[in-house]
N, C-alpha and C. Protein backbone atom coordinates (compact mmCIF):
# COMPACT_ATOMS: atom_id res chain seq x y z
N UNK A 1 75.50 100.38 110.23
CA UNK A 1 76.21 99.57 109.26
C UNK A 1 77.71 99.81 109.44
N UNK A 2 78.48 98.74 109.39
CA UNK A 2 79.94 98.83 109.44
C UNK A 2 80.48 98.36 108.09
N UNK A 3 81.42 99.13 107.55
CA UNK A 3 82.00 98.85 106.24
C UNK A 3 83.49 98.59 106.40
N UNK A 4 83.99 97.52 105.77
CA UNK A 4 85.42 97.25 105.78
C UNK A 4 86.07 97.92 104.59
N UNK A 5 87.16 98.65 104.85
CA UNK A 5 87.92 99.31 103.79
C UNK A 5 89.33 98.73 103.79
N UNK A 6 89.74 98.18 102.66
CA UNK A 6 91.13 97.78 102.50
C UNK A 6 91.84 98.91 101.77
N UNK A 7 93.12 99.04 101.99
CA UNK A 7 93.85 100.14 101.37
C UNK A 7 93.50 101.48 101.99
N UNK A 8 93.02 101.47 103.23
CA UNK A 8 92.53 102.69 103.87
C UNK A 8 93.62 103.71 104.15
N UNK A 9 94.87 103.29 104.18
CA UNK A 9 95.95 104.24 104.44
C UNK A 9 96.49 104.87 103.17
N UNK A 10 95.96 104.47 102.03
CA UNK A 10 96.37 105.06 100.75
C UNK A 10 95.56 106.30 100.43
N UNK A 11 95.90 106.93 99.35
CA UNK A 11 95.23 108.18 98.94
C UNK A 11 93.74 107.97 98.68
N UNK A 12 93.41 106.99 97.86
CA UNK A 12 92.00 106.74 97.53
C UNK A 12 91.27 106.13 98.71
N UNK A 13 91.90 105.15 99.36
CA UNK A 13 91.26 104.50 100.51
C UNK A 13 90.98 105.49 101.63
N UNK A 14 91.92 106.40 101.86
CA UNK A 14 91.70 107.42 102.89
C UNK A 14 90.52 108.32 102.57
N UNK A 15 90.37 108.64 101.29
CA UNK A 15 89.23 109.45 100.87
C UNK A 15 87.93 108.68 101.04
N UNK A 16 87.96 107.40 100.76
CA UNK A 16 86.78 106.54 100.94
C UNK A 16 86.39 106.51 102.41
N UNK A 17 87.38 106.33 103.29
CA UNK A 17 87.11 106.32 104.72
C UNK A 17 86.47 107.63 105.15
N UNK A 18 87.02 108.74 104.72
CA UNK A 18 86.46 110.04 105.08
C UNK A 18 85.02 110.21 104.61
N UNK A 19 84.75 109.78 103.40
CA UNK A 19 83.39 109.89 102.86
C UNK A 19 82.41 109.01 103.63
N UNK A 20 82.81 107.79 103.94
CA UNK A 20 81.93 106.89 104.70
C UNK A 20 81.64 107.46 106.08
N UNK A 21 82.66 107.99 106.75
CA UNK A 21 82.46 108.59 108.06
C UNK A 21 81.54 109.81 107.98
N UNK A 22 81.70 110.61 106.93
CA UNK A 22 80.86 111.81 106.78
C UNK A 22 79.40 111.45 106.56
N UNK A 23 79.17 110.23 106.09
CA UNK A 23 77.79 109.75 105.88
C UNK A 23 77.24 109.01 107.10
N UNK A 24 78.03 109.01 108.18
CA UNK A 24 77.55 108.41 109.42
C UNK A 24 77.74 106.92 109.52
N UNK A 25 78.52 106.34 108.64
CA UNK A 25 78.74 104.89 108.67
C UNK A 25 79.92 104.56 109.58
N UNK A 26 79.88 103.38 110.16
CA UNK A 26 81.01 102.90 110.95
C UNK A 26 82.00 102.26 110.00
N UNK A 27 83.27 102.50 110.23
CA UNK A 27 84.32 102.04 109.31
C UNK A 27 85.33 101.19 110.06
N UNK A 28 85.67 100.07 109.45
CA UNK A 28 86.77 99.23 109.92
C UNK A 28 87.80 99.20 108.80
N UNK A 29 89.06 99.46 109.14
CA UNK A 29 90.13 99.49 108.14
C UNK A 29 91.04 98.29 108.35
N UNK A 30 91.26 97.52 107.30
CA UNK A 30 92.22 96.43 107.33
C UNK A 30 93.60 97.03 107.07
N UNK A 31 94.47 96.95 108.09
CA UNK A 31 95.80 97.56 108.02
C UNK A 31 96.86 96.52 108.38
N UNK A 32 98.07 96.74 107.90
CA UNK A 32 99.17 95.80 108.19
C UNK A 32 99.76 95.99 109.58
N UNK A 33 99.71 97.21 110.10
CA UNK A 33 100.29 97.50 111.41
C UNK A 33 99.24 98.15 112.30
N UNK A 34 99.46 98.10 113.59
CA UNK A 34 98.45 98.59 114.54
C UNK A 34 98.38 100.10 114.66
N UNK A 35 99.34 100.85 114.09
CA UNK A 35 99.32 102.29 114.30
C UNK A 35 99.41 103.13 113.02
N UNK A 36 98.72 102.77 111.95
CA UNK A 36 98.79 103.60 110.73
C UNK A 36 97.71 104.65 110.65
N UNK A 37 96.96 104.86 111.73
CA UNK A 37 95.81 105.75 111.66
C UNK A 37 96.21 107.15 111.24
N UNK A 38 97.39 107.62 111.61
CA UNK A 38 97.82 108.95 111.20
C UNK A 38 97.90 109.07 109.69
N UNK A 39 98.15 107.96 109.00
CA UNK A 39 98.24 107.99 107.55
C UNK A 39 96.89 108.24 106.90
N UNK A 40 95.81 108.09 107.66
CA UNK A 40 94.47 108.32 107.11
C UNK A 40 94.16 109.80 106.98
N UNK A 41 95.03 110.65 107.48
CA UNK A 41 94.80 112.08 107.35
C UNK A 41 94.18 112.67 108.59
N UNK A 42 93.69 113.91 108.48
CA UNK A 42 93.15 114.61 109.65
C UNK A 42 91.82 114.02 110.11
N UNK A 43 91.38 114.33 111.32
CA UNK A 43 90.07 113.90 111.78
C UNK A 43 89.01 114.27 110.75
N UNK A 44 87.93 113.54 110.63
CA UNK A 44 87.31 112.71 111.64
C UNK A 44 87.73 111.25 111.64
N UNK A 45 88.88 110.91 111.15
CA UNK A 45 89.27 109.51 111.05
C UNK A 45 89.47 108.83 112.39
N UNK A 46 89.36 109.55 113.47
CA UNK A 46 89.50 108.95 114.78
C UNK A 46 88.46 107.89 115.07
N UNK A 47 87.36 107.86 114.33
CA UNK A 47 86.31 106.88 114.54
C UNK A 47 86.53 105.58 113.81
N UNK A 48 87.68 105.40 113.21
CA UNK A 48 87.96 104.20 112.43
C UNK A 48 88.43 103.08 113.34
N UNK A 49 87.79 101.91 113.20
CA UNK A 49 88.21 100.72 113.92
C UNK A 49 89.27 100.01 113.08
N UNK A 50 90.38 99.62 113.70
CA UNK A 50 91.45 98.95 112.97
C UNK A 50 91.35 97.45 113.11
N UNK A 51 91.55 96.76 112.00
CA UNK A 51 91.68 95.30 111.97
C UNK A 51 93.06 95.03 111.39
N UNK A 52 93.94 94.46 112.20
CA UNK A 52 95.32 94.25 111.76
C UNK A 52 95.42 92.93 111.01
N UNK A 53 96.01 93.00 109.83
CA UNK A 53 96.21 91.81 109.02
C UNK A 53 96.61 92.20 107.61
N UNK A 54 96.87 91.20 106.82
CA UNK A 54 97.28 91.41 105.43
C UNK A 54 96.18 90.94 104.51
N UNK A 55 95.92 91.68 103.46
CA UNK A 55 94.80 91.42 102.56
C UNK A 55 94.90 90.03 101.91
N UNK A 56 96.09 89.47 101.77
CA UNK A 56 96.23 88.14 101.18
C UNK A 56 96.17 87.02 102.22
N UNK A 57 95.97 87.37 103.48
CA UNK A 57 95.81 86.39 104.55
C UNK A 57 94.32 86.15 104.76
N UNK A 58 93.85 85.03 104.24
CA UNK A 58 92.42 84.74 104.24
C UNK A 58 91.80 84.81 105.64
N UNK A 59 92.49 84.26 106.63
CA UNK A 59 91.95 84.27 107.99
C UNK A 59 91.83 85.69 108.53
N UNK A 60 92.82 86.53 108.24
CA UNK A 60 92.77 87.93 108.69
C UNK A 60 91.62 88.67 108.05
N UNK A 61 91.40 88.44 106.76
CA UNK A 61 90.30 89.10 106.07
C UNK A 61 88.95 88.62 106.61
N UNK A 62 88.84 87.33 106.86
CA UNK A 62 87.58 86.81 107.41
C UNK A 62 87.30 87.42 108.78
N UNK A 63 88.33 87.55 109.63
CA UNK A 63 88.14 88.20 110.94
C UNK A 63 87.73 89.66 110.76
N UNK A 64 88.37 90.35 109.82
CA UNK A 64 88.07 91.76 109.58
C UNK A 64 86.63 91.94 109.08
N UNK A 65 86.17 91.00 108.31
CA UNK A 65 84.82 91.09 107.74
C UNK A 65 83.72 90.78 108.75
N UNK A 66 84.07 90.14 109.84
CA UNK A 66 83.08 89.76 110.83
C UNK A 66 82.35 91.00 111.34
N UNK A 67 81.05 91.03 111.18
CA UNK A 67 80.24 92.16 111.61
C UNK A 67 80.10 93.27 110.60
N UNK A 68 80.71 93.10 109.44
CA UNK A 68 80.59 94.12 108.38
C UNK A 68 79.51 93.73 107.39
N UNK A 69 79.02 94.73 106.67
CA UNK A 69 78.01 94.47 105.65
C UNK A 69 78.51 94.88 104.30
């Protein structure tokens, strides 16, 4: 299962990403820039797939959601 997380570079979103990864789920993060992964904190966040776009851009969100459940 792949889960899309918006706000993944924030405090709560980063914690959500970490929890999902610890449960063995695949994570895709909707981010504004291509290199914010360091903002997610220490590993294991290296397994996060990035989808670049803005949450208010409908087309970007639809692309990010493709393949997610």
